């Protein structure tokens, strides 16, 4: 059994254990820093969703491949600078890191020009860590309202990265509650170390790199 197959089996098992609908949890294979020859082996096994952290790296890796494979879905997981917004629209299907109104405004302008918008997750700083991006929970309702009504963005869900020194469970629970409060159905949470717990708390997109591709090269 390959690493990818093992992860998919564990996702299926977790959905059963936690009483979730089979197939509701989608796997994003985090392919950042990985060469395309390694990624293609995962594509050939039927993987569709892939995650990248850097816009420029993603463009150089995926532009040609995605042109030939329209079924592949590329997710921007890392921070997005406003000066990279135009490039994002040419390759990414999902953005997981909307975290400020200036970015929402820039995305909105590009959406109006192009006539379409990637699906968007708002990044929530559930641990209120000063060094980390994301909207604080108490500011989230207002931010989502502005993103939807003022900037007309296709906000489909929330994303979080729990603090390293705290249990993920409390942050996944909080994110689920915040999503429910705002009528959002998608949750991007859970990585290689904690994706089974994320499934317990209704994650619909889990982001797994190491468990599929192995340790990141130094």
N, C-alpha and C. Protein backbone atom coordinates (compact mmCIF):
# COMPACT_ATOMS: atom_id res chain seq x y z
N UNK A 1 0.85 -1.20 0.00
CA UNK A 1 0.00 0.00 0.00
C UNK A 1 0.89 1.25 0.00
N UNK A 2 0.63 2.14 -0.95
CA UNK A 2 1.42 3.37 -1.02
C UNK A 2 1.04 4.32 0.12
N UNK A 3 1.88 5.35 0.31
CA UNK A 3 1.60 6.36 1.35
C UNK A 3 0.26 7.03 1.10
N UNK A 4 -0.03 7.35 -0.17
CA UNK A 4 -1.30 7.99 -0.51
C UNK A 4 -2.47 7.08 -0.18
N UNK A 5 -2.38 5.83 -0.55
CA UNK A 5 -3.45 4.88 -0.28
C UNK A 5 -3.66 4.69 1.22
N UNK A 6 -2.57 4.71 1.96
CA UNK A 6 -2.65 4.57 3.42
C UNK A 6 -3.41 5.75 4.03
N UNK A 7 -3.09 6.96 3.58
CA UNK A 7 -3.78 8.15 4.09
C UNK A 7 -5.26 8.11 3.74
N UNK A 8 -5.57 7.73 2.49
CA UNK A 8 -6.97 7.66 2.07
C UNK A 8 -7.75 6.62 2.88
N UNK A 9 -7.11 5.52 3.17
CA UNK A 9 -7.75 4.47 3.99
C UNK A 9 -8.01 4.99 5.40
N UNK A 10 -7.06 5.72 5.96
CA UNK A 10 -7.23 6.27 7.31
C UNK A 10 -8.33 7.33 7.34
N UNK A 11 -8.48 8.07 6.25
CA UNK A 11 -9.57 9.05 6.16
C UNK A 11 -10.91 8.32 6.16
N UNK A 12 -11.02 7.29 5.36
CA UNK A 12 -12.26 6.50 5.29
C UNK A 12 -12.59 5.90 6.66
N UNK A 13 -11.58 5.36 7.33
CA UNK A 13 -11.79 4.76 8.65
C UNK A 13 -12.24 5.81 9.66
N UNK A 14 -11.63 7.00 9.61
CA UNK A 14 -12.00 8.06 10.55
C UNK A 14 -13.43 8.52 10.30
N UNK A 15 -13.84 8.61 9.04
CA UNK A 15 -15.21 9.00 8.72
C UNK A 15 -16.20 8.00 9.32
N UNK A 16 -15.86 6.73 9.28
CA UNK A 16 -16.72 5.70 9.87
C UNK A 16 -16.77 5.84 11.38
N UNK A 17 -15.58 5.95 12.00
CA UNK A 17 -15.48 6.04 13.46
C UNK A 17 -16.27 7.23 14.00
N UNK A 18 -16.17 8.37 13.31
CA UNK A 18 -16.81 9.59 13.81
C UNK A 18 -18.18 9.84 13.20
N UNK A 19 -18.71 8.86 12.49
CA UNK A 19 -20.08 8.95 11.98
C UNK A 19 -20.28 9.97 10.90
N UNK A 20 -19.27 10.17 10.06
CA UNK A 20 -19.39 11.15 8.97
C UNK A 20 -19.84 10.46 7.68
N UNK A 21 -20.41 11.24 6.79
CA UNK A 21 -20.79 10.71 5.50
C UNK A 21 -19.54 10.33 4.72
N UNK A 22 -19.54 9.14 4.15
CA UNK A 22 -18.37 8.66 3.41
C UNK A 22 -18.06 9.57 2.21
N UNK A 23 -16.80 9.96 2.13
CA UNK A 23 -16.35 10.79 1.01
C UNK A 23 -16.50 12.27 1.21
N UNK A 24 -17.00 12.69 2.38
CA UNK A 24 -17.20 14.13 2.61
C UNK A 24 -15.87 14.85 2.83
N UNK A 25 -14.84 14.11 3.27
CA UNK A 25 -13.54 14.70 3.55
C UNK A 25 -12.65 14.60 2.32
N UNK A 26 -12.25 15.75 1.80
CA UNK A 26 -11.40 15.78 0.62
C UNK A 26 -9.93 15.96 1.02
N UNK A 27 -9.07 15.22 0.36
CA UNK A 27 -7.64 15.23 0.68
C UNK A 27 -6.88 16.17 -0.25
N UNK A 28 -6.20 17.15 0.33
CA UNK A 28 -5.27 18.00 -0.42
C UNK A 28 -3.86 17.46 -0.20
N UNK A 29 -3.23 16.99 -1.26
CA UNK A 29 -1.83 16.55 -1.17
C UNK A 29 -0.95 17.80 -1.26
N UNK A 30 -0.28 18.13 -0.16
CA UNK A 30 0.52 19.35 -0.10
C UNK A 30 1.84 19.11 -0.83
N UNK A 31 1.92 19.66 -2.03
CA UNK A 31 3.03 19.36 -2.94
C UNK A 31 4.09 20.45 -2.97
N UNK A 32 4.01 21.42 -2.06
CA UNK A 32 5.00 22.50 -2.02
C UNK A 32 6.41 21.90 -1.86
N UNK A 33 7.34 22.49 -2.58
CA UNK A 33 8.77 22.10 -2.60
C UNK A 33 9.03 20.77 -3.30
N UNK A 34 7.98 20.06 -3.70
CA UNK A 34 8.18 18.75 -4.34
C UNK A 34 8.30 18.91 -5.86
N UNK A 35 9.21 18.16 -6.49
CA UNK A 35 9.36 18.24 -7.95
C UNK A 35 8.19 17.55 -8.66
N UNK A 36 7.93 17.96 -9.89
CA UNK A 36 6.78 17.44 -10.61
C UNK A 36 6.88 15.95 -10.91
N UNK A 37 8.09 15.42 -11.06
CA UNK A 37 8.18 13.99 -11.32
C UNK A 37 7.69 13.17 -10.13
N UNK A 38 7.87 13.71 -8.93
CA UNK A 38 7.35 13.04 -7.73
C UNK A 38 5.84 13.25 -7.61
N UNK A 39 5.38 14.43 -7.94
CA UNK A 39 3.96 14.73 -7.87
C UNK A 39 3.17 13.89 -8.88
N UNK A 40 3.72 13.70 -10.07
CA UNK A 40 3.01 12.95 -11.11
C UNK A 40 2.70 11.52 -10.69
N UNK A 41 3.54 10.94 -9.85
CA UNK A 41 3.28 9.59 -9.35
C UNK A 41 2.00 9.57 -8.51
N UNK A 42 1.75 10.67 -7.79
CA UNK A 42 0.55 10.80 -6.96
C UNK A 42 -0.67 11.09 -7.85
N UNK A 43 -0.46 11.90 -8.88
CA UNK A 43 -1.54 12.17 -9.85
C UNK A 43 -1.98 10.87 -10.50
N UNK A 44 -1.00 10.05 -10.87
CA UNK A 44 -1.31 8.79 -11.55
C UNK A 44 -2.09 7.82 -10.67
N UNK A 45 -2.06 8.03 -9.37
CA UNK A 45 -2.84 7.18 -8.44
C UNK A 45 -4.22 7.74 -8.19
N UNK A 46 -4.59 8.79 -8.93
CA UNK A 46 -5.94 9.32 -8.86
C UNK A 46 -6.13 10.54 -7.98
N UNK A 47 -5.06 11.09 -7.42
CA UNK A 47 -5.19 12.27 -6.57
C UNK A 47 -5.51 13.50 -7.42
N UNK A 48 -6.47 14.31 -6.97
CA UNK A 48 -6.96 15.45 -7.75
C UNK A 48 -6.58 16.79 -7.12
N UNK A 49 -6.67 16.89 -5.78
CA UNK A 49 -6.43 18.17 -5.08
C UNK A 49 -4.97 18.25 -4.62
N UNK A 50 -4.33 19.38 -4.95
CA UNK A 50 -2.95 19.61 -4.56
C UNK A 50 -2.79 21.00 -3.94
N UNK A 51 -1.90 21.13 -2.96
CA UNK A 51 -1.71 22.39 -2.26
C UNK A 51 -0.31 22.95 -2.43
N UNK A 52 -0.24 24.24 -2.69
CA UNK A 52 1.04 24.94 -2.82
C UNK A 52 1.05 26.16 -1.91
N UNK A 53 2.25 26.56 -1.47
CA UNK A 53 2.38 27.70 -0.58
C UNK A 53 2.80 28.98 -1.28
N UNK A 54 3.55 28.84 -2.38
CA UNK A 54 4.10 30.00 -3.06
C UNK A 54 3.55 30.10 -4.49
N UNK A 55 3.10 31.29 -4.83
CA UNK A 55 2.47 31.51 -6.14
C UNK A 55 3.44 31.22 -7.27
N UNK A 56 4.65 31.78 -7.18
CA UNK A 56 5.61 31.64 -8.29
C UNK A 56 6.01 30.18 -8.50
N UNK A 57 6.24 29.47 -7.41
CA UNK A 57 6.60 28.05 -7.51
C UNK A 57 5.47 27.27 -8.16
N UNK A 58 4.25 27.55 -7.76
CA UNK A 58 3.10 26.84 -8.30
C UNK A 58 2.95 27.08 -9.80
N UNK A 59 3.15 28.32 -10.23
CA UNK A 59 3.03 28.63 -11.66
C UNK A 59 4.05 27.85 -12.48
N UNK A 60 5.28 27.80 -12.00
CA UNK A 60 6.32 27.11 -12.75
C UNK A 60 6.09 25.61 -12.81
N UNK A 61 5.45 25.06 -11.78
CA UNK A 61 5.23 23.62 -11.72
C UNK A 61 3.95 23.17 -12.42
N UNK A 62 2.89 23.96 -12.28
CA UNK A 62 1.55 23.46 -12.63
C UNK A 62 0.97 23.98 -13.93
N UNK A 63 1.49 25.08 -14.46
CA UNK A 63 0.83 25.72 -15.60
C UNK A 63 0.63 24.76 -16.77
N UNK A 64 1.69 24.07 -17.16
CA UNK A 64 1.60 23.14 -18.29
C UNK A 64 0.77 21.91 -17.94
N UNK A 65 1.02 21.36 -16.76
CA UNK A 65 0.30 20.15 -16.33
C UNK A 65 -1.19 20.40 -16.25
N UNK A 66 -1.56 21.53 -15.64
CA UNK A 66 -2.98 21.83 -15.45
C UNK A 66 -3.66 22.15 -16.78
N UNK A 67 -2.89 22.64 -17.74
CA UNK A 67 -3.46 22.89 -19.06
C UNK A 67 -3.92 21.61 -19.74
N UNK A 68 -3.25 20.51 -19.39
CA UNK A 68 -3.60 19.21 -19.97
C UNK A 68 -4.56 18.41 -19.10
N UNK A 69 -4.70 18.82 -17.84
CA UNK A 69 -5.55 18.08 -16.89
C UNK A 69 -6.48 19.05 -16.16
N UNK A 70 -7.59 19.35 -16.77
CA UNK A 70 -8.53 20.32 -16.21
C UNK A 70 -9.20 19.82 -14.94
N UNK A 71 -9.12 18.51 -14.68
CA UNK A 71 -9.75 17.96 -13.49
C UNK A 71 -8.94 18.23 -12.22
N UNK A 72 -7.68 18.58 -12.37
CA UNK A 72 -6.84 18.84 -11.20
C UNK A 72 -7.23 20.17 -10.56
N UNK A 73 -7.23 20.19 -9.23
CA UNK A 73 -7.59 21.38 -8.48
C UNK A 73 -6.40 21.81 -7.62
N UNK A 74 -5.97 23.06 -7.80
CA UNK A 74 -4.80 23.57 -7.09
C UNK A 74 -5.23 24.58 -6.03
N UNK A 75 -4.73 24.38 -4.82
CA UNK A 75 -5.09 25.18 -3.66
C UNK A 75 -3.90 26.04 -3.22
N UNK A 76 -4.12 27.33 -3.05
CA UNK A 76 -3.09 28.19 -2.45
C UNK A 76 -3.27 28.15 -0.94
N UNK A 77 -2.30 27.57 -0.25
CA UNK A 77 -2.40 27.40 1.20
C UNK A 77 -1.63 28.48 1.95
N UNK A 78 -0.61 29.04 1.33
CA UNK A 78 0.23 30.03 2.00
C UNK A 78 -0.31 31.44 1.87
N UNK A 79 0.36 32.39 2.49
CA UNK A 79 -0.07 33.79 2.45
C UNK A 79 -0.04 34.34 1.03
N UNK A 80 -0.95 35.26 0.76
CA UNK A 80 -1.06 35.85 -0.57
C UNK A 80 -0.79 37.35 -0.49
N UNK A 81 0.25 37.79 -1.22
CA UNK A 81 0.55 39.21 -1.31
C UNK A 81 -0.36 39.84 -2.37
N UNK A 82 -0.76 41.07 -2.13
CA UNK A 82 -1.69 41.71 -3.06
C UNK A 82 -1.10 41.85 -4.46
N UNK A 83 0.22 41.98 -4.57
CA UNK A 83 0.83 42.14 -5.90
C UNK A 83 0.91 40.82 -6.67
N UNK A 84 0.48 39.72 -6.05
CA UNK A 84 0.49 38.42 -6.73
C UNK A 84 -0.93 37.97 -7.12
N UNK A 85 -1.92 38.80 -6.85
CA UNK A 85 -3.31 38.39 -7.07
C UNK A 85 -3.59 38.03 -8.52
N UNK A 86 -3.10 38.83 -9.47
CA UNK A 86 -3.36 38.55 -10.89
C UNK A 86 -2.85 37.17 -11.28
N UNK A 87 -1.69 36.79 -10.77
CA UNK A 87 -1.10 35.49 -11.10
C UNK A 87 -1.90 34.33 -10.51
N UNK A 88 -2.50 34.57 -9.37
CA UNK A 88 -3.28 33.53 -8.69
C UNK A 88 -4.43 33.05 -9.55
N UNK A 89 -5.08 33.97 -10.25
CA UNK A 89 -6.27 33.64 -11.02
C UNK A 89 -5.98 32.70 -12.19
N UNK A 90 -4.73 32.64 -12.63
CA UNK A 90 -4.41 31.82 -13.79
C UNK A 90 -4.15 30.36 -13.43
N UNK A 91 -4.02 30.05 -12.13
CA UNK A 91 -3.63 28.68 -11.78
C UNK A 91 -4.43 28.07 -10.63
N UNK A 92 -4.85 28.89 -9.67
CA UNK A 92 -5.45 28.35 -8.45
C UNK A 92 -6.99 28.28 -8.53
N UNK A 93 -7.52 27.18 -8.03
CA UNK A 93 -8.96 26.99 -7.95
C UNK A 93 -9.51 27.37 -6.57
N UNK A 94 -8.64 27.31 -5.57
CA UNK A 94 -9.02 27.62 -4.18
C UNK A 94 -7.94 28.50 -3.55
N UNK A 95 -8.36 29.45 -2.73
CA UNK A 95 -7.46 30.25 -1.91
C UNK A 95 -7.85 30.04 -0.45
N UNK A 96 -6.89 29.60 0.37
CA UNK A 96 -7.19 29.27 1.76
C UNK A 96 -6.74 30.36 2.73
N UNK A 97 -6.30 31.51 2.23
CA UNK A 97 -5.61 32.45 3.12
C UNK A 97 -6.07 33.89 3.00
N UNK A 98 -7.37 34.10 2.79
CA UNK A 98 -7.89 35.46 2.84
C UNK A 98 -7.84 35.93 4.29
N UNK A 99 -7.10 37.01 4.55
CA UNK A 99 -6.86 37.40 5.94
C UNK A 99 -6.90 38.91 6.20
N UNK A 100 -7.30 39.70 5.18
CA UNK A 100 -7.36 41.15 5.39
C UNK A 100 -8.21 41.79 4.30
N UNK A 101 -8.79 42.94 4.62
CA UNK A 101 -9.71 43.59 3.69
C UNK A 101 -9.01 44.12 2.45
N UNK A 102 -7.75 44.54 2.57
CA UNK A 102 -7.02 45.03 1.39
C UNK A 102 -6.87 43.92 0.36
N UNK A 103 -6.71 42.68 0.81
CA UNK A 103 -6.62 41.54 -0.09
C UNK A 103 -8.00 41.23 -0.68
N UNK A 104 -9.03 41.33 0.15
CA UNK A 104 -10.40 41.11 -0.35
C UNK A 104 -10.72 42.10 -1.46
N UNK A 105 -10.33 43.35 -1.28
CA UNK A 105 -10.59 44.39 -2.30
C UNK A 105 -9.86 44.06 -3.60
N UNK A 106 -8.61 43.63 -3.49
CA UNK A 106 -7.82 43.30 -4.68
C UNK A 106 -8.41 42.08 -5.41
N UNK A 107 -8.80 41.08 -4.65
CA UNK A 107 -9.43 39.90 -5.24
C UNK A 107 -10.75 40.27 -5.93
N UNK A 108 -11.47 41.18 -5.32
CA UNK A 108 -12.76 41.61 -5.88
C UNK A 108 -12.56 42.32 -7.22
N UNK A 109 -11.56 43.19 -7.30
CA UNK A 109 -11.28 43.90 -8.55
C UNK A 109 -10.92 42.92 -9.66
N UNK A 110 -10.08 41.95 -9.33
CA UNK A 110 -9.65 40.98 -10.33
C UNK A 110 -10.83 40.09 -10.76
N UNK A 111 -11.69 39.77 -9.80
CA UNK A 111 -12.88 38.98 -10.10
C UNK A 111 -13.79 39.70 -11.09
N UNK A 112 -13.97 41.00 -10.87
CA UNK A 112 -14.82 41.79 -11.76
C UNK A 112 -14.23 41.86 -13.17
N UNK A 113 -12.91 41.94 -13.26
CA UNK A 113 -12.25 42.02 -14.57
C UNK A 113 -12.35 40.70 -15.33
N UNK A 114 -12.21 39.60 -14.60
CA UNK A 114 -12.13 38.29 -15.25
C UNK A 114 -13.48 37.57 -15.34
N UNK A 115 -14.40 37.96 -14.49
CA UNK A 115 -15.72 37.34 -14.53
C UNK A 115 -15.82 36.03 -13.78
N UNK A 116 -14.81 35.71 -12.99
CA UNK A 116 -14.87 34.51 -12.14
C UNK A 116 -13.94 34.70 -10.95
N UNK A 117 -14.12 33.84 -9.96
CA UNK A 117 -13.32 33.95 -8.73
C UNK A 117 -12.99 32.57 -8.19
N UNK A 118 -11.76 32.34 -7.74
CA UNK A 118 -11.46 31.09 -7.05
C UNK A 118 -12.34 30.97 -5.80
N UNK A 119 -12.56 29.76 -5.36
CA UNK A 119 -13.30 29.55 -4.11
C UNK A 119 -12.38 29.95 -2.95
N UNK A 120 -12.95 30.63 -1.97
CA UNK A 120 -12.13 31.27 -0.94
C UNK A 120 -12.45 30.79 0.47
N UNK A 121 -11.39 30.54 1.22
CA UNK A 121 -11.48 30.29 2.66
C UNK A 121 -10.92 31.51 3.38
N UNK A 122 -11.57 31.92 4.44
CA UNK A 122 -11.02 32.95 5.32
C UNK A 122 -10.13 32.27 6.35
N UNK A 123 -8.91 32.76 6.47
CA UNK A 123 -7.99 32.21 7.48
C UNK A 123 -8.30 32.83 8.84
N UNK A 124 -8.53 31.97 9.82
CA UNK A 124 -8.87 32.43 11.16
C UNK A 124 -7.70 32.14 12.11
N UNK A 125 -7.29 33.16 12.84
CA UNK A 125 -6.21 33.01 13.82
C UNK A 125 -6.84 32.59 15.15
N UNK A 126 -7.17 31.31 15.25
CA UNK A 126 -7.92 30.82 16.41
C UNK A 126 -7.14 30.94 17.71
N UNK A 127 -5.82 30.95 17.63
CA UNK A 127 -4.99 31.07 18.83
C UNK A 127 -4.58 32.49 19.14
N UNK A 128 -5.02 33.44 18.31
CA UNK A 128 -4.68 34.86 18.47
C UNK A 128 -3.17 35.06 18.61
N UNK A 129 -2.43 34.37 17.75
CA UNK A 129 -0.97 34.47 17.77
C UNK A 129 -0.53 35.70 16.97
N UNK A 130 0.23 36.57 17.60
CA UNK A 130 0.62 37.83 16.97
C UNK A 130 1.46 37.61 15.71
N UNK A 131 2.26 36.54 15.69
CA UNK A 131 3.15 36.30 14.57
C UNK A 131 2.47 35.58 13.41
N UNK A 132 1.21 35.22 13.57
CA UNK A 132 0.51 34.43 12.57
C UNK A 132 -0.59 35.25 11.90
N UNK A 133 -0.78 35.00 10.61
CA UNK A 133 -1.84 35.68 9.86
C UNK A 133 -3.20 35.12 10.26
N UNK A 134 -4.23 35.85 9.89
CA UNK A 134 -5.58 35.37 10.15
C UNK A 134 -6.43 36.36 10.93
N UNK A 135 -7.74 36.25 10.72
CA UNK A 135 -8.70 37.10 11.41
C UNK A 135 -8.96 36.55 12.81
N UNK A 136 -8.94 37.41 13.81
CA UNK A 136 -9.27 36.97 15.17
C UNK A 136 -10.76 36.59 15.21
N UNK A 137 -11.11 35.58 16.00
CA UNK A 137 -12.51 35.09 16.03
C UNK A 137 -13.55 36.18 16.28
N UNK A 138 -13.25 37.12 17.16
CA UNK A 138 -14.25 38.15 17.49
C UNK A 138 -14.48 39.14 16.34
N UNK A 139 -13.57 39.17 15.37
CA UNK A 139 -13.72 40.07 14.21
C UNK A 139 -14.24 39.35 12.97
N UNK A 140 -14.48 38.06 13.09
CA UNK A 140 -14.74 37.24 11.91
C UNK A 140 -16.08 37.54 11.25
N UNK A 141 -17.15 37.64 12.02
CA UNK A 141 -18.48 37.86 11.43
C UNK A 141 -18.51 39.10 10.55
N UNK A 142 -17.92 40.18 11.05
CA UNK A 142 -17.89 41.45 10.31
C UNK A 142 -17.04 41.30 9.05
N UNK A 143 -15.92 40.59 9.17
CA UNK A 143 -15.02 40.40 8.03
C UNK A 143 -15.69 39.59 6.92
N UNK A 144 -16.35 38.52 7.30
CA UNK A 144 -17.04 37.68 6.31
C UNK A 144 -18.16 38.47 5.64
N UNK A 145 -18.88 39.23 6.41
CA UNK A 145 -19.97 40.05 5.87
C UNK A 145 -19.44 41.03 4.82
N UNK A 146 -18.30 41.66 5.13
CA UNK A 146 -17.70 42.61 4.18
C UNK A 146 -17.20 41.89 2.94
N UNK A 147 -16.57 40.74 3.13
CA UNK A 147 -16.02 39.99 2.00
C UNK A 147 -17.11 39.56 1.04
N UNK A 148 -18.26 39.21 1.59
CA UNK A 148 -19.36 38.74 0.75
C UNK A 148 -20.15 39.89 0.16
N UNK A 149 -20.57 40.83 0.99
CA UNK A 149 -21.51 41.86 0.54
C UNK A 149 -20.82 43.04 -0.13
N UNK A 150 -19.71 43.51 0.45
CA UNK A 150 -19.01 44.66 -0.12
C UNK A 150 -18.17 44.25 -1.32
N UNK A 151 -17.48 43.10 -1.20
CA UNK A 151 -16.54 42.70 -2.24
C UNK A 151 -17.03 41.53 -3.09
N UNK A 152 -18.19 40.98 -2.76
CA UNK A 152 -18.84 39.95 -3.58
C UNK A 152 -17.93 38.76 -3.88
N UNK A 153 -17.21 38.29 -2.86
CA UNK A 153 -16.30 37.16 -3.03
C UNK A 153 -17.00 35.84 -2.70
N UNK A 154 -16.53 34.79 -3.34
CA UNK A 154 -17.11 33.46 -3.16
C UNK A 154 -16.46 32.79 -1.93
N UNK A 155 -16.82 33.26 -0.75
CA UNK A 155 -16.30 32.70 0.49
C UNK A 155 -17.07 31.42 0.81
N UNK A 156 -16.38 30.28 0.79
CA UNK A 156 -17.06 28.99 1.01
C UNK A 156 -16.78 28.38 2.38
N UNK A 157 -15.73 28.88 3.07
CA UNK A 157 -15.41 28.24 4.35
C UNK A 157 -14.31 28.95 5.11
N UNK A 158 -13.85 28.27 6.16
CA UNK A 158 -12.82 28.81 7.05
C UNK A 158 -11.62 27.87 7.10
N UNK A 159 -10.46 28.45 7.36
CA UNK A 159 -9.21 27.69 7.51
C UNK A 159 -8.50 28.11 8.78
N UNK A 160 -7.84 27.16 9.44
CA UNK A 160 -7.00 27.52 10.58
C UNK A 160 -5.77 26.63 10.65
N UNK A 161 -4.75 27.16 11.33
CA UNK A 161 -3.54 26.41 11.67
C UNK A 161 -3.38 26.55 13.18
N UNK A 162 -3.71 25.51 13.96
CA UNK A 162 -3.64 25.64 15.42
C UNK A 162 -2.23 25.92 15.92
N UNK A 163 -2.09 26.58 17.07
CA UNK A 163 -0.76 26.80 17.66
C UNK A 163 -0.05 25.47 17.92
N UNK A 164 1.25 25.47 17.74
CA UNK A 164 2.04 24.24 17.89
C UNK A 164 2.00 23.68 19.31
N UNK A 165 1.90 24.57 20.29
CA UNK A 165 2.00 24.13 21.69
C UNK A 165 0.64 23.89 22.35
N UNK A 166 -0.42 23.82 21.54
CA UNK A 166 -1.76 23.58 22.09
C UNK A 166 -2.42 22.42 21.35
N UNK A 167 -3.37 21.78 22.00
CA UNK A 167 -4.09 20.69 21.36
C UNK A 167 -4.95 21.24 20.22
N UNK A 168 -4.88 20.53 19.10
CA UNK A 168 -5.62 20.98 17.92
C UNK A 168 -7.13 20.96 18.16
N UNK A 169 -7.57 20.06 19.00
CA UNK A 169 -9.00 19.79 19.17
C UNK A 169 -9.81 21.04 19.49
N UNK A 170 -9.32 21.86 20.43
CA UNK A 170 -10.09 23.04 20.83
C UNK A 170 -10.19 24.04 19.69
N UNK A 171 -9.18 24.09 18.83
CA UNK A 171 -9.19 25.04 17.71
C UNK A 171 -10.08 24.54 16.58
N UNK A 172 -10.10 23.24 16.36
CA UNK A 172 -11.00 22.67 15.35
C UNK A 172 -12.45 22.85 15.77
N UNK A 173 -12.71 22.67 17.06
CA UNK A 173 -14.07 22.84 17.58
C UNK A 173 -14.53 24.29 17.41
N UNK A 174 -13.63 25.22 17.72
CA UNK A 174 -13.95 26.65 17.58
C UNK A 174 -14.22 27.00 16.13
N UNK A 175 -13.37 26.51 15.22
CA UNK A 175 -13.55 26.84 13.80
C UNK A 175 -14.88 26.30 13.28
N UNK A 176 -15.24 25.09 13.71
CA UNK A 176 -16.52 24.53 13.30
C UNK A 176 -17.67 25.41 13.78
N UNK A 177 -17.61 25.87 15.02
CA UNK A 177 -18.67 26.72 15.56
C UNK A 177 -18.76 28.04 14.79
N UNK A 178 -17.60 28.61 14.47
CA UNK A 178 -17.57 29.88 13.73
C UNK A 178 -18.16 29.71 12.33
N UNK A 179 -17.85 28.57 11.70
CA UNK A 179 -18.40 28.29 10.37
C UNK A 179 -19.92 28.15 10.44
N UNK A 180 -20.40 27.43 11.43
CA UNK A 180 -21.84 27.26 11.60
C UNK A 180 -22.53 28.60 11.83
N UNK A 181 -21.89 29.47 12.62
CA UNK A 181 -22.47 30.79 12.91
C UNK A 181 -22.64 31.62 11.64
N UNK A 182 -21.77 31.36 10.66
CA UNK A 182 -21.79 32.16 9.44
C UNK A 182 -22.34 31.41 8.23
N UNK A 183 -22.94 30.24 8.48
CA UNK A 183 -23.57 29.49 7.41
C UNK A 183 -22.59 28.96 6.37
N UNK A 184 -21.37 28.66 6.80
CA UNK A 184 -20.34 28.15 5.89
C UNK A 184 -20.20 26.64 6.04
N UNK A 185 -20.12 25.93 4.92
CA UNK A 185 -20.13 24.47 4.96
C UNK A 185 -18.75 23.83 4.87
N UNK A 186 -17.74 24.60 4.43
CA UNK A 186 -16.42 24.01 4.21
C UNK A 186 -15.44 24.42 5.31
N UNK A 187 -14.63 23.45 5.74
CA UNK A 187 -13.60 23.69 6.75
C UNK A 187 -12.28 23.12 6.27
N UNK A 188 -11.27 23.96 6.20
CA UNK A 188 -9.92 23.54 5.83
C UNK A 188 -9.10 23.46 7.11
N UNK A 189 -8.99 22.24 7.64
CA UNK A 189 -8.23 22.08 8.89
C UNK A 189 -7.78 20.63 9.03
N UNK A 190 -6.61 20.48 9.64
CA UNK A 190 -6.02 19.16 9.81
C UNK A 190 -4.87 18.95 8.85
N UNK A 191 -3.72 18.55 9.41
CA UNK A 191 -2.54 18.26 8.61
C UNK A 191 -2.03 16.86 8.96
N UNK A 192 -0.83 16.52 8.54
CA UNK A 192 -0.34 15.15 8.70
C UNK A 192 -0.46 14.63 10.13
N UNK A 193 -0.22 15.49 11.11
CA UNK A 193 -0.18 15.04 12.50
C UNK A 193 -1.55 14.95 13.16
N UNK A 194 -2.56 15.64 12.61
CA UNK A 194 -3.83 15.73 13.35
C UNK A 194 -5.08 15.64 12.47
N UNK A 195 -4.94 15.10 11.26
CA UNK A 195 -6.09 15.13 10.35
C UNK A 195 -7.25 14.23 10.80
N UNK A 196 -6.94 13.19 11.56
CA UNK A 196 -8.04 12.33 12.03
C UNK A 196 -8.92 13.08 13.03
N UNK A 197 -8.30 13.87 13.90
CA UNK A 197 -9.05 14.69 14.85
C UNK A 197 -9.85 15.75 14.10
N UNK A 198 -9.26 16.30 13.04
CA UNK A 198 -9.97 17.31 12.25
C UNK A 198 -11.25 16.73 11.64
N UNK A 199 -11.19 15.48 11.22
CA UNK A 199 -12.38 14.83 10.65
C UNK A 199 -13.47 14.72 11.70
N UNK A 200 -13.09 14.46 12.93
CA UNK A 200 -14.06 14.40 14.04
C UNK A 200 -14.85 15.71 14.12
N UNK A 201 -14.17 16.83 13.84
CA UNK A 201 -14.81 18.14 13.95
C UNK A 201 -15.26 18.69 12.58
N UNK A 202 -15.58 17.77 11.67
CA UNK A 202 -16.26 18.11 10.41
C UNK A 202 -15.38 18.78 9.36
N UNK A 203 -14.07 18.60 9.42
CA UNK A 203 -13.22 19.13 8.36
C UNK A 203 -13.64 18.54 7.02
N UNK A 204 -13.70 19.39 5.98
CA UNK A 204 -14.03 18.90 4.64
C UNK A 204 -12.82 18.90 3.71
N UNK A 205 -11.77 19.63 4.10
CA UNK A 205 -10.51 19.60 3.37
C UNK A 205 -9.36 19.43 4.37
N UNK A 206 -8.62 18.34 4.25
CA UNK A 206 -7.43 18.18 5.10
C UNK A 206 -6.20 18.34 4.22
N UNK A 207 -5.14 18.89 4.81
CA UNK A 207 -3.95 19.27 4.07
C UNK A 207 -2.78 18.39 4.51
N UNK A 208 -2.43 17.42 3.70
CA UNK A 208 -1.44 16.42 4.11
C UNK A 208 -0.26 16.41 3.12
N UNK A 209 0.93 16.65 3.64
CA UNK A 209 2.12 16.61 2.81
C UNK A 209 3.07 15.50 3.21
N UNK A 210 3.58 15.60 4.43
CA UNK A 210 4.60 14.66 4.91
C UNK A 210 4.15 13.21 4.83
N UNK A 211 2.91 12.94 5.23
CA UNK A 211 2.42 11.56 5.25
C UNK A 211 2.27 10.97 3.85
N UNK A 212 2.28 11.83 2.83
CA UNK A 212 2.17 11.37 1.44
C UNK A 212 3.53 11.38 0.74
N UNK A 213 4.23 12.51 0.87
CA UNK A 213 5.47 12.70 0.13
C UNK A 213 6.73 12.43 0.95
N UNK A 214 6.59 12.26 2.26
CA UNK A 214 7.76 12.09 3.11
C UNK A 214 8.24 13.43 3.65
N UNK A 215 9.29 13.39 4.46
CA UNK A 215 9.82 14.61 5.08
C UNK A 215 10.29 15.58 4.02
N UNK A 216 10.10 16.86 4.32
CA UNK A 216 10.54 17.91 3.41
C UNK A 216 12.07 17.96 3.35
N UNK A 217 12.60 18.14 2.14
CA UNK A 217 14.04 18.23 2.00
C UNK A 217 14.53 19.56 2.57
N UNK A 218 15.68 19.49 3.25
CA UNK A 218 16.25 20.70 3.87
C UNK A 218 16.82 21.63 2.81
